[in-house]
Each structure stands twice: as C-alpha cells, then as structure tokens.
Amino acid sequence: MIINSMIKRVNVYRNYELNVELNMNIRQFFLGMEESESMPITA
C-alpha cells in the first residue's frame, strides 16, 4: 500500500530499461528521510 501511493507510473522498455515516475518531488523525499532518522523505533 505504501509503495502504491509513492509510485505514479512504471515504464518497462527493451533490455529491461525502467523509468519510474514518483508521486513526490526530491525535496519531499529527503525531508521524509530526515524525519524518519530522528524518530525512535520501538518494538
């Protein structure tokens, strides 16, 4: 479900070349990584 909301489109070409279009921009991606690094993981 999470991956489904992150990926907008995937194109597959000859020789298995992939083009993946995301539903976010690069700033959103890096801001999300910074937030996850500061969040403690509990079990």
PDB file of N, CA and C in Angstrom:
ATOM      1  N   MET A   1       0.822  -1.189   0.000  1.00  0.00           N
ATOM      2  CA  MET A   1       0.000   0.000   0.000  1.00  0.00           C
ATOM      3  C   MET A   1       0.872   1.261   0.000  1.00  0.00           C
ATOM      4  N   ILE A   2       1.947   1.255   0.784  1.00  0.00           N
ATOM      5  CA  ILE A   2       2.805   2.435   0.854  1.00  0.00           C
ATOM      6  C   ILE A   2       3.488   2.671  -0.487  1.00  0.00           C
ATOM      7  N   ILE A   3       4.036   1.622  -1.059  1.00  0.00           N
ATOM      8  CA  ILE A   3       4.716   1.753  -2.359  1.00  0.00           C
ATOM      9  C   ILE A   3       3.726   2.198  -3.422  1.00  0.00           C
ATOM     10  N   ASN A   4       2.520   1.686  -3.364  1.00  0.00           N
ATOM     11  CA  ASN A   4       1.487   2.059  -4.337  1.00  0.00           C
ATOM     12  C   ASN A   4       1.201   3.556  -4.295  1.00  0.00           C
ATOM     13  N   SER A   5       1.238   4.165  -3.133  1.00  0.00           N
ATOM     14  CA  SER A   5       0.992   5.597  -3.038  1.00  0.00           C
ATOM     15  C   SER A   5       2.228   6.425  -3.420  1.00  0.00           C
ATOM     16  N   MET A   6       3.408   5.837  -3.396  1.00  0.00           N
ATOM     17  CA  MET A   6       4.636   6.555  -3.742  1.00  0.00           C
ATOM     18  C   MET A   6       4.926   6.548  -5.240  1.00  0.00           C
ATOM     19  N   ILE A   7       4.539   5.480  -5.938  1.00  0.00           N
ATOM     20  CA  ILE A   7       4.869   5.327  -7.359  1.00  0.00           C
ATOM     21  C   ILE A   7       3.669   5.716  -8.212  1.00  0.00           C
ATOM     22  N   LYS A   8       3.906   6.619  -9.151  1.00  0.00           N
ATOM     23  CA  LYS A   8       2.849   7.068 -10.052  1.00  0.00           C
ATOM     24  C   LYS A   8       2.768   6.175 -11.286  1.00  0.00           C
ATOM     25  N   ARG A   9       3.941   5.863 -11.867  1.00  0.00           N
ATOM     26  CA  ARG A   9       3.951   5.101 -13.116  1.00  0.00           C
ATOM     27  C   ARG A   9       5.292   4.399 -13.289  1.00  0.00           C
ATOM     28  N   VAL A  10       5.261   3.205 -13.874  1.00  0.00           N
ATOM     29  CA  VAL A  10       6.479   2.465 -14.203  1.00  0.00           C
ATOM     30  C   VAL A  10       6.402   2.063 -15.673  1.00  0.00           C
ATOM     31  N   ASN A  11       7.412   2.458 -16.442  1.00  0.00           N
ATOM     32  CA  ASN A  11       7.512   2.060 -17.846  1.00  0.00           C
ATOM     33  C   ASN A  11       8.664   1.082 -17.976  1.00  0.00           C
ATOM     34  N   VAL A  12       8.433  -0.011 -18.710  1.00  0.00           N
ATOM     35  CA  VAL A  12       9.469  -1.009 -18.965  1.00  0.00           C
ATOM     36  C   VAL A  12       9.740  -1.025 -20.464  1.00  0.00           C
ATOM     37  N   TYR A  13      11.017  -0.850 -20.818  1.00  0.00           N
ATOM     38  CA  TYR A  13      11.425  -0.812 -22.209  1.00  0.00           C
ATOM     39  C   TYR A  13      12.268  -2.038 -22.542  1.00  0.00           C
ATOM     40  N   ARG A  14      12.680  -2.124 -23.789  1.00  0.00           N
ATOM     41  CA  ARG A  14      13.549  -3.227 -24.218  1.00  0.00           C
ATOM     42  C   ARG A  14      14.818  -3.250 -23.381  1.00  0.00           C
ATOM     43  N   ASN A  15      15.414  -4.415 -23.275  1.00  0.00           N
ATOM     44  CA  ASN A  15      16.623  -4.639 -22.476  1.00  0.00           C
ATOM     45  C   ASN A  15      16.392  -4.307 -21.000  1.00  0.00           C
ATOM     46  N   TYR A  16      15.150  -4.416 -20.550  1.00  0.00           N
ATOM     47  CA  TYR A  16      14.769  -4.232 -19.144  1.00  0.00           C
ATOM     48  C   TYR A  16      15.104  -2.846 -18.603  1.00  0.00           C
ATOM     49  N   GLU A  17      15.095  -1.846 -19.459  1.00  0.00           N
ATOM     50  CA  GLU A  17      15.296  -0.475 -19.007  1.00  0.00           C
ATOM     51  C   GLU A  17      14.008   0.001 -18.340  1.00  0.00           C
ATOM     52  N   LEU A  18      14.135   0.594 -17.157  1.00  0.00           N
ATOM     53  CA  LEU A  18      12.978   1.035 -16.388  1.00  0.00           C
ATOM     54  C   LEU A  18      12.947   2.550 -16.268  1.00  0.00           C
ATOM     55  N   ASN A  19      11.752   3.084 -16.261  1.00  0.00           N
ATOM     56  CA  ASN A  19      11.527   4.501 -15.985  1.00  0.00           C
ATOM     57  C   ASN A  19      10.437   4.548 -14.917  1.00  0.00           C
ATOM     58  N   VAL A  20      10.785   4.989 -13.708  1.00  0.00           N
ATOM     59  CA  VAL A  20       9.855   5.023 -12.591  1.00  0.00           C
ATOM     60  C   VAL A  20       9.520   6.476 -12.279  1.00  0.00           C
ATOM     61  N   GLU A  21       8.232   6.801 -12.328  1.00  0.00           N
ATOM     62  CA  GLU A  21       7.760   8.154 -12.042  1.00  0.00           C
ATOM     63  C   GLU A  21       7.125   8.149 -10.651  1.00  0.00           C
ATOM     64  N   LEU A  22       7.648   8.995  -9.763  1.00  0.00           N
ATOM     65  CA  LEU A  22       7.179   9.016  -8.387  1.00  0.00           C
ATOM     66  C   LEU A  22       6.114  10.086  -8.169  1.00  0.00           C
ATOM     67  N   ASN A  23       5.319   9.907  -7.113  1.00  0.00           N
ATOM     68  CA  ASN A  23       4.279  10.864  -6.744  1.00  0.00           C
ATOM     69  C   ASN A  23       4.802  11.926  -5.782  1.00  0.00           C
ATOM     70  N   MET A  24       6.099  12.098  -5.687  1.00  0.00           N
ATOM     71  CA  MET A  24       6.673  13.081  -4.786  1.00  0.00           C
ATOM     72  C   MET A  24       7.855  13.739  -5.472  1.00  0.00           C
ATOM     73  N   ASN A  25       8.249  14.896  -4.971  1.00  0.00           N
ATOM     74  CA  ASN A  25       9.433  15.527  -5.526  1.00  0.00           C
ATOM     75  C   ASN A  25      10.639  15.200  -4.635  1.00  0.00           C
ATOM     76  N   ILE A  26      11.813  15.579  -5.056  1.00  0.00           N
ATOM     77  CA  ILE A  26      13.045  15.216  -4.353  1.00  0.00           C
ATOM     78  C   ILE A  26      13.097  15.850  -2.966  1.00  0.00           C
ATOM     79  N   ARG A  27      12.538  17.050  -2.828  1.00  0.00           N
ATOM     80  CA  ARG A  27      12.523  17.710  -1.516  1.00  0.00           C
ATOM     81  C   ARG A  27      11.670  16.919  -0.522  1.00  0.00           C
ATOM     82  N   GLN A  28      10.491  16.457  -0.945  1.00  0.00           N
ATOM     83  CA  GLN A  28       9.637  15.653  -0.083  1.00  0.00           C
ATOM     84  C   GLN A  28      10.350  14.362   0.315  1.00  0.00           C
ATOM     85  N   PHE A  29      11.070  13.760  -0.619  1.00  0.00           N
ATOM     86  CA  PHE A  29      11.774  12.516  -0.348  1.00  0.00           C
ATOM     87  C   PHE A  29      12.826  12.709   0.743  1.00  0.00           C
ATOM     88  N   PHE A  30      13.659  13.756   0.603  1.00  0.00           N
ATOM     89  CA  PHE A  30      14.716  13.969   1.587  1.00  0.00           C
ATOM     90  C   PHE A  30      14.174  14.457   2.923  1.00  0.00           C
ATOM     91  N   LEU A  31      13.129  15.246   2.929  1.00  0.00           N
ATOM     92  CA  LEU A  31      12.523  15.664   4.192  1.00  0.00           C
ATOM     93  C   LEU A  31      11.950  14.468   4.929  1.00  0.00           C
ATOM     94  N   GLY A  32      11.361  13.546   4.207  1.00  0.00           N
ATOM     95  CA  GLY A  32      10.835  12.330   4.819  1.00  0.00           C
ATOM     96  C   GLY A  32      11.935  11.480   5.418  1.00  0.00           C
ATOM     97  N   MET A  33      13.101  11.414   4.766  1.00  0.00           N
ATOM     98  CA  MET A  33      14.216  10.634   5.293  1.00  0.00           C
ATOM     99  C   MET A  33      14.751  11.259   6.572  1.00  0.00           C
ATOM    100  N   GLU A  34      14.838  12.580   6.619  1.00  0.00           N
ATOM    101  CA  GLU A  34      15.337  13.259   7.816  1.00  0.00           C
ATOM    102  C   GLU A  34      14.417  13.022   8.996  1.00  0.00           C
ATOM    103  N   GLU A  35      13.114  13.046   8.777  1.00  0.00           N
ATOM    104  CA  GLU A  35      12.152  12.812   9.842  1.00  0.00           C
ATOM    105  C   GLU A  35      12.232  11.380  10.361  1.00  0.00           C
ATOM    106  N   SER A  36      12.404  10.416   9.449  1.00  0.00           N
ATOM    107  CA  SER A  36      12.449   9.015   9.876  1.00  0.00           C
ATOM    108  C   SER A  36      13.713   8.715  10.661  1.00  0.00           C
ATOM    109  N   GLU A  37      14.820   9.422  10.389  1.00  0.00           N
ATOM    110  CA  GLU A  37      16.056   9.196  11.113  1.00  0.00           C
ATOM    111  C   GLU A  37      15.938   9.674  12.553  1.00  0.00           C
ATOM    112  N   SER A  38      15.128  10.709  12.790  1.00  0.00           N
ATOM    113  CA  SER A  38      15.012  11.251  14.135  1.00  0.00           C
ATOM    114  C   SER A  38      13.939  10.538  14.957  1.00  0.00           C
ATOM    115  N   MET A  39      13.113   9.725  14.303  1.00  0.00           N
ATOM    116  CA  MET A  39      12.052   9.022  15.023  1.00  0.00           C
ATOM    117  C   MET A  39      12.603   7.748  15.642  1.00  0.00           C
ATOM    118  N   PRO A  40      12.364   7.524  16.925  1.00  0.00           N
ATOM    119  CA  PRO A  40      12.831   6.280  17.544  1.00  0.00           C
ATOM    120  C   PRO A  40      11.988   5.094  17.087  1.00  0.00           C
ATOM    121  N   ILE A  41      12.630   3.951  16.959  1.00  0.00           N
ATOM    122  CA  ILE A  41      11.931   2.725  16.557  1.00  0.00           C
ATOM    123  C   ILE A  41      11.690   1.893  17.803  1.00  0.00           C
ATOM    124  N   THR A  42      10.437   1.577  18.039  1.00  0.00           N
ATOM    125  CA  THR A  42      10.090   0.765  19.205  1.00  0.00           C
ATOM    126  C   THR A  42       9.470  -0.541  18.760  1.00  0.00           C
ATOM    127  N   ALA A  43       9.661  -1.559  19.543  1.00  0.00           N
ATOM    128  CA  ALA A  43       9.086  -2.866  19.197  1.00  0.00           C
ATOM    129  C   ALA A  43       8.024  -3.267  20.184  1.00  0.00           C
TER     130      ALA A  43
END
